[in-house]
Every structure is written in structure tokens, then in C-alpha cells.
Amino acid sequence: MKKQPTYEEAVRRVETLVAQLENNELDIDTLSKRLAEAQQLLALCRDKLTRADEEIHKILDEN
């Protein structure tokens, strides 16, 4: 089972993928795979941010 990347690792990977896209470094066969990877990483980041926001609100509401 592959371990889930941390938020920071996911962001760095997305940044790398964006740079590759901007520099036309990806062939058409690889492009769709990398776009799918980026989509999954962005969903992971969004989920982590949402959970962190909920935890922060919960802590602040307790005080």
C-alpha cells in the first residue's frame, strides 16, 4: 500500500507537474497521466486544508 504524501510533498509535486506542463516537457501519452495525478494531489490538499480548518474552528470555539 502506497503511503499518502504530506501536504507539503503534494504541493511540491503539483508545482513540478505545472512546471513540466508550462515547459512542454510532457508528451501526449504522459500528459493525461500527469493531469490525473495532479487532480488527485489537489483533491488531497483540499481535503487536508478542510480538515485543518475544521480542527482550528473546533479549538477556537472551545475557548
PDB file of N, CA and C in Angstrom:
ATOM      1  N   MET A   1       0.848  -1.192   0.000  1.00  0.00           N
ATOM      2  CA  MET A   1       0.000   0.000   0.000  1.00  0.00           C
ATOM      3  C   MET A   1       0.887   1.248   0.000  1.00  0.00           C
ATOM      4  N   LYS A   2       0.614   2.143  -0.906  1.00  0.00           N
ATOM      5  CA  LYS A   2       1.396   3.365  -1.042  1.00  0.00           C
ATOM      6  C   LYS A   2       0.971   4.375   0.019  1.00  0.00           C
ATOM      7  N   LYS A   3       1.960   4.974   0.698  1.00  0.00           N
ATOM      8  CA  LYS A   3       1.618   5.951   1.735  1.00  0.00           C
ATOM      9  C   LYS A   3       1.196   7.272   1.103  1.00  0.00           C
ATOM     10  N   GLN A   4       0.270   7.913   1.768  1.00  0.00           N
ATOM     11  CA  GLN A   4      -0.250   9.190   1.286  1.00  0.00           C
ATOM     12  C   GLN A   4       0.796  10.276   1.531  1.00  0.00           C
ATOM     13  N   PRO A   5       1.039  11.130   0.538  1.00  0.00           N
ATOM     14  CA  PRO A   5       2.019  12.198   0.741  1.00  0.00           C
ATOM     15  C   PRO A   5       1.517  13.229   1.748  1.00  0.00           C
ATOM     16  N   THR A   6       2.463  13.917   2.365  1.00  0.00           N
ATOM     17  CA  THR A   6       2.095  15.026   3.233  1.00  0.00           C
ATOM     18  C   THR A   6       1.583  16.169   2.348  1.00  0.00           C
ATOM     19  N   TYR A   7       0.991  17.162   2.984  1.00  0.00           N
ATOM     20  CA  TYR A   7       0.513  18.325   2.244  1.00  0.00           C
ATOM     21  C   TYR A   7       1.666  18.968   1.476  1.00  0.00           C
ATOM     22  N   GLU A   8       2.791  19.146   2.164  1.00  0.00           N
ATOM     23  CA  GLU A   8       3.944  19.802   1.541  1.00  0.00           C
ATOM     24  C   GLU A   8       4.480  18.994   0.362  1.00  0.00           C
ATOM     25  N   GLU A   9       4.537  17.670   0.501  1.00  0.00           N
ATOM     26  CA  GLU A   9       5.004  16.826  -0.600  1.00  0.00           C
ATOM     27  C   GLU A   9       4.055  16.923  -1.793  1.00  0.00           C
ATOM     28  N   ALA A  10       2.761  16.929  -1.517  1.00  0.00           N
ATOM     29  CA  ALA A  10       1.768  17.021  -2.589  1.00  0.00           C
ATOM     30  C   ALA A  10       1.881  18.354  -3.327  1.00  0.00           C
ATOM     31  N   VAL A  11       2.046  19.433  -2.580  1.00  0.00           N
ATOM     32  CA  VAL A  11       2.175  20.756  -3.203  1.00  0.00           C
ATOM     33  C   VAL A  11       3.435  20.810  -4.070  1.00  0.00           C
ATOM     34  N   ARG A  12       4.547  20.295  -3.564  1.00  0.00           N
ATOM     35  CA  ARG A  12       5.790  20.286  -4.352  1.00  0.00           C
ATOM     36  C   ARG A  12       5.619  19.485  -5.641  1.00  0.00           C
ATOM     37  N   ARG A  13       4.925  18.342  -5.554  1.00  0.00           N
ATOM     38  CA  ARG A  13       4.710  17.511  -6.743  1.00  0.00           C
ATOM     39  C   ARG A  13       3.833  18.249  -7.751  1.00  0.00           C
ATOM     40  N   VAL A  14       2.789  18.909  -7.283  1.00  0.00           N
ATOM     41  CA  VAL A  14       1.923  19.673  -8.186  1.00  0.00           C
ATOM     42  C   VAL A  14       2.733  20.791  -8.845  1.00  0.00           C
ATOM     43  N   GLU A  15       3.567  21.457  -8.077  1.00  0.00           N
ATOM     44  CA  GLU A  15       4.407  22.519  -8.644  1.00  0.00           C
ATOM     45  C   GLU A  15       5.320  21.965  -9.732  1.00  0.00           C
ATOM     46  N   THR A  16       5.871  20.782  -9.504  1.00  0.00           N
ATOM     47  CA  THR A  16       6.727  20.138 -10.502  1.00  0.00           C
ATOM     48  C   THR A  16       5.932  19.817 -11.761  1.00  0.00           C
ATOM     49  N   LEU A  17       4.734  19.276 -11.583  1.00  0.00           N
ATOM     50  CA  LEU A  17       3.895  18.942 -12.727  1.00  0.00           C
ATOM     51  C   LEU A  17       3.506  20.186 -13.517  1.00  0.00           C
ATOM     52  N   VAL A  18       3.179  21.257 -12.829  1.00  0.00           N
ATOM     53  CA  VAL A  18       2.827  22.514 -13.507  1.00  0.00           C
ATOM     54  C   VAL A  18       4.020  23.031 -14.309  1.00  0.00           C
ATOM     55  N   ALA A  19       5.201  22.980 -13.717  1.00  0.00           N
ATOM     56  CA  ALA A  19       6.404  23.436 -14.429  1.00  0.00           C
ATOM     57  C   ALA A  19       6.634  22.594 -15.680  1.00  0.00           C
ATOM     58  N   GLN A  20       6.435  21.281 -15.570  1.00  0.00           N
ATOM     59  CA  GLN A  20       6.601  20.414 -16.737  1.00  0.00           C
ATOM     60  C   GLN A  20       5.586  20.757 -17.824  1.00  0.00           C
ATOM     61  N   LEU A  21       4.359  21.047 -17.415  1.00  0.00           N
ATOM     62  CA  LEU A  21       3.329  21.429 -18.383  1.00  0.00           C
ATOM     63  C   LEU A  21       3.679  22.747 -19.066  1.00  0.00           C
ATOM     64  N   GLU A  22       4.088  23.724 -18.260  1.00  0.00           N
ATOM     65  CA  GLU A  22       4.415  25.042 -18.801  1.00  0.00           C
ATOM     66  C   GLU A  22       5.611  25.004 -19.746  1.00  0.00           C
ATOM     67  N   ASN A  23       6.536  24.066 -19.493  1.00  0.00           N
ATOM     68  CA  ASN A  23       7.744  23.962 -20.312  1.00  0.00           C
ATOM     69  C   ASN A  23       7.611  22.936 -21.432  1.00  0.00           C
ATOM     70  N   ASN A  24       6.378  22.458 -21.631  1.00  0.00           N
ATOM     71  CA  ASN A  24       6.116  21.464 -22.689  1.00  0.00           C
ATOM     72  C   ASN A  24       7.048  20.260 -22.595  1.00  0.00           C
ATOM     73  N   GLU A  25       7.278  19.779 -21.380  1.00  0.00           N
ATOM     74  CA  GLU A  25       8.177  18.650 -21.155  1.00  0.00           C
ATOM     75  C   GLU A  25       7.464  17.302 -21.229  1.00  0.00           C
ATOM     76  N   LEU A  26       6.154  17.307 -21.360  1.00  0.00           N
ATOM     77  CA  LEU A  26       5.399  16.059 -21.325  1.00  0.00           C
ATOM     78  C   LEU A  26       4.859  15.715 -22.705  1.00  0.00           C
ATOM     79  N   ASP A  27       5.055  14.449 -23.094  1.00  0.00           N
ATOM     80  CA  ASP A  27       4.456  14.016 -24.356  1.00  0.00           C
ATOM     81  C   ASP A  27       2.971  13.743 -24.123  1.00  0.00           C
ATOM     82  N   ILE A  28       2.232  13.585 -25.174  1.00  0.00           N
ATOM     83  CA  ILE A  28       0.776  13.467 -25.082  1.00  0.00           C
ATOM     84  C   ILE A  28       0.356  12.240 -24.280  1.00  0.00           C
ATOM     85  N   ASP A  29       1.122  11.148 -24.354  1.00  0.00           N
ATOM     86  CA  ASP A  29       0.770   9.938 -23.610  1.00  0.00           C
ATOM     87  C   ASP A  29       0.960  10.134 -22.110  1.00  0.00           C
ATOM     88  N   THR A  30       1.969  10.865 -21.743  1.00  0.00           N
ATOM     89  CA  THR A  30       2.256  11.114 -20.333  1.00  0.00           C
ATOM     90  C   THR A  30       1.368  12.221 -19.780  1.00  0.00           C
ATOM     91  N   LEU A  31       0.968  13.129 -20.623  1.00  0.00           N
ATOM     92  CA  LEU A  31       0.193  14.293 -20.202  1.00  0.00           C
ATOM     93  C   LEU A  31      -1.081  13.906 -19.443  1.00  0.00           C
ATOM     94  N   SER A  32      -1.863  12.999 -19.985  1.00  0.00           N
ATOM     95  CA  SER A  32      -3.120  12.637 -19.317  1.00  0.00           C
ATOM     96  C   SER A  32      -2.862  11.963 -17.978  1.00  0.00           C
ATOM     97  N   LYS A  33      -1.803  11.167 -17.879  1.00  0.00           N
ATOM     98  CA  LYS A  33      -1.467  10.529 -16.603  1.00  0.00           C
ATOM     99  C   LYS A  33      -1.065  11.572 -15.560  1.00  0.00           C
ATOM    100  N   ARG A  34      -0.273  12.552 -15.979  1.00  0.00           N
ATOM    101  CA  ARG A  34       0.180  13.583 -15.050  1.00  0.00           C
ATOM    102  C   ARG A  34      -0.959  14.508 -14.633  1.00  0.00           C
ATOM    103  N   LEU A  35      -1.872  14.779 -15.548  1.00  0.00           N
ATOM    104  CA  LEU A  35      -3.032  15.597 -15.193  1.00  0.00           C
ATOM    105  C   LEU A  35      -3.908  14.869 -14.175  1.00  0.00           C
ATOM    106  N   ALA A  36      -4.088  13.573 -14.345  1.00  0.00           N
ATOM    107  CA  ALA A  36      -4.858  12.780 -13.379  1.00  0.00           C
ATOM    108  C   ALA A  36      -4.155  12.766 -12.024  1.00  0.00           C
ATOM    109  N   GLU A  37      -2.840  12.641 -12.038  1.00  0.00           N
ATOM    110  CA  GLU A  37      -2.065  12.676 -10.795  1.00  0.00           C
ATOM    111  C   GLU A  37      -2.230  14.022 -10.099  1.00  0.00           C
ATOM    112  N   ALA A  38      -2.125  15.101 -10.867  1.00  0.00           N
ATOM    113  CA  ALA A  38      -2.277  16.443 -10.297  1.00  0.00           C
ATOM    114  C   ALA A  38      -3.670  16.623  -9.707  1.00  0.00           C
ATOM    115  N   GLN A  39      -4.686  16.111 -10.381  1.00  0.00           N
ATOM    116  CA  GLN A  39      -6.059  16.221  -9.889  1.00  0.00           C
ATOM    117  C   GLN A  39      -6.201  15.501  -8.551  1.00  0.00           C
ATOM    118  N   GLN A  40      -5.624  14.321  -8.419  1.00  0.00           N
ATOM    119  CA  GLN A  40      -5.676  13.568  -7.163  1.00  0.00           C
ATOM    120  C   GLN A  40      -4.927  14.306  -6.057  1.00  0.00           C
ATOM    121  N   LEU A  41      -3.777  14.863  -6.392  1.00  0.00           N
ATOM    122  CA  LEU A  41      -2.994  15.597  -5.394  1.00  0.00           C
ATOM    123  C   LEU A  41      -3.729  16.847  -4.927  1.00  0.00           C
ATOM    124  N   LEU A  42      -4.365  17.552  -5.844  1.00  0.00           N
ATOM    125  CA  LEU A  42      -5.118  18.745  -5.470  1.00  0.00           C
ATOM    126  C   LEU A  42      -6.304  18.393  -4.577  1.00  0.00           C
ATOM    127  N   ALA A  43      -6.961  17.275  -4.858  1.00  0.00           N
ATOM    128  CA  ALA A  43      -8.069  16.821  -4.009  1.00  0.00           C
ATOM    129  C   ALA A  43      -7.561  16.483  -2.615  1.00  0.00           C
ATOM    130  N   LEU A  44      -6.401  15.848  -2.541  1.00  0.00           N
ATOM    131  CA  LEU A  44      -5.786  15.512  -1.252  1.00  0.00           C
ATOM    132  C   LEU A  44      -5.467  16.786  -0.473  1.00  0.00           C
ATOM    133  N   CYS A  45      -4.891  17.768  -1.138  1.00  0.00           N
ATOM    134  CA  CYS A  45      -4.553  19.040  -0.485  1.00  0.00           C
ATOM    135  C   CYS A  45      -5.811  19.751   0.007  1.00  0.00           C
ATOM    136  N   ARG A  46      -6.833  19.778  -0.818  1.00  0.00           N
ATOM    137  CA  ARG A  46      -8.091  20.418  -0.444  1.00  0.00           C
ATOM    138  C   ARG A  46      -8.684  19.737   0.788  1.00  0.00           C
ATOM    139  N   ASP A  47      -8.637  18.409   0.828  1.00  0.00           N
ATOM    140  CA  ASP A  47      -9.152  17.655   1.967  1.00  0.00           C
ATOM    141  C   ASP A  47      -8.365  17.955   3.231  1.00  0.00           C
ATOM    142  N   LYS A  48      -7.043  17.985   3.119  1.00  0.00           N
ATOM    143  CA  LYS A  48      -6.204  18.281   4.284  1.00  0.00           C
ATOM    144  C   LYS A  48      -6.459  19.701   4.803  1.00  0.00           C
ATOM    145  N   LEU A  49      -6.610  20.652   3.909  1.00  0.00           N
ATOM    146  CA  LEU A  49      -6.887  22.032   4.319  1.00  0.00           C
ATOM    147  C   LEU A  49      -8.258  22.149   4.985  1.00  0.00           C
ATOM    148  N   THR A  50      -9.241  21.450   4.439  1.00  0.00           N
ATOM    149  CA  THR A  50     -10.586  21.479   5.025  1.00  0.00           C
ATOM    150  C   THR A  50     -10.568  20.894   6.429  1.00  0.00           C
ATOM    151  N   ARG A  51      -9.891  19.756   6.598  1.00  0.00           N
ATOM    152  CA  ARG A  51      -9.827  19.141   7.933  1.00  0.00           C
ATOM    153  C   ARG A  51      -9.085  20.029   8.921  1.00  0.00           C
ATOM    154  N   ALA A  52      -7.997  20.650   8.485  1.00  0.00           N
ATOM    155  CA  ALA A  52      -7.249  21.537   9.370  1.00  0.00           C
ATOM    156  C   ALA A  52      -8.107  22.735   9.773  1.00  0.00           C
ATOM    157  N   ASP A  53      -8.846  23.291   8.819  1.00  0.00           N
ATOM    158  CA  ASP A  53      -9.729  24.428   9.106  1.00  0.00           C
ATOM    159  C   ASP A  53     -10.805  24.030  10.117  1.00  0.00           C
ATOM    160  N   GLU A  54     -11.383  22.862   9.950  1.00  0.00           N
ATOM    161  CA  GLU A  54     -12.405  22.389  10.888  1.00  0.00           C
ATOM    162  C   GLU A  54     -11.829  22.208  12.289  1.00  0.00           C
ATOM    163  N   GLU A  55     -10.620  21.656  12.367  1.00  0.00           N
ATOM    164  CA  GLU A  55      -9.980  21.465  13.669  1.00  0.00           C
ATOM    165  C   GLU A  55      -9.687  22.803  14.342  1.00  0.00           C
ATOM    166  N   ILE A  56      -9.231  23.772  13.568  1.00  0.00           N
ATOM    167  CA  ILE A  56      -8.942  25.098  14.117  1.00  0.00           C
ATOM    168  C   ILE A  56     -10.213  25.741  14.650  1.00  0.00           C
ATOM    169  N   HIS A  57     -11.297  25.666  13.861  1.00  0.00           N
ATOM    170  CA  HIS A  57     -12.573  26.239  14.316  1.00  0.00           C
ATOM    171  C   HIS A  57     -13.067  25.545  15.582  1.00  0.00           C
ATOM    172  N   LYS A  58     -12.896  24.251  15.651  1.00  0.00           N
ATOM    173  CA  LYS A  58     -13.324  23.496  16.827  1.00  0.00           C
ATOM    174  C   LYS A  58     -12.539  23.952  18.063  1.00  0.00           C
ATOM    175  N   ILE A  59     -11.237  24.115  17.911  1.00  0.00           N
ATOM    176  CA  ILE A  59     -10.398  24.576  19.038  1.00  0.00           C
ATOM    177  C   ILE A  59     -10.786  25.984  19.456  1.00  0.00           C
ATOM    178  N   LEU A  60     -10.979  26.867  18.487  1.00  0.00           N
ATOM    179  CA  LEU A  60     -11.331  28.254  18.803  1.00  0.00           C
ATOM    180  C   LEU A  60     -12.714  28.349  19.442  1.00  0.00           C
ATOM    181  N   ASP A  61     -13.640  27.498  19.011  1.00  0.00           N
ATOM    182  CA  ASP A  61     -14.988  27.516  19.583  1.00  0.00           C
ATOM    183  C   ASP A  61     -15.005  27.016  21.016  1.00  0.00           C
ATOM    184  N   GLU A  62     -14.034  26.196  21.394  1.00  0.00           N
ATOM    185  CA  GLU A  62     -13.957  25.680  22.767  1.00  0.00           C
ATOM    186  C   GLU A  62     -13.492  26.749  23.756  1.00  0.00           C
ATOM    187  N   ASN A  63     -12.835  27.753  23.252  1.00  0.00           N
ATOM    188  CA  ASN A  63     -12.287  28.803  24.151  1.00  0.00           C
ATOM    189  C   ASN A  63     -13.241  29.912  24.324  1.00  0.00           C
TER     190      ASN A  63
END
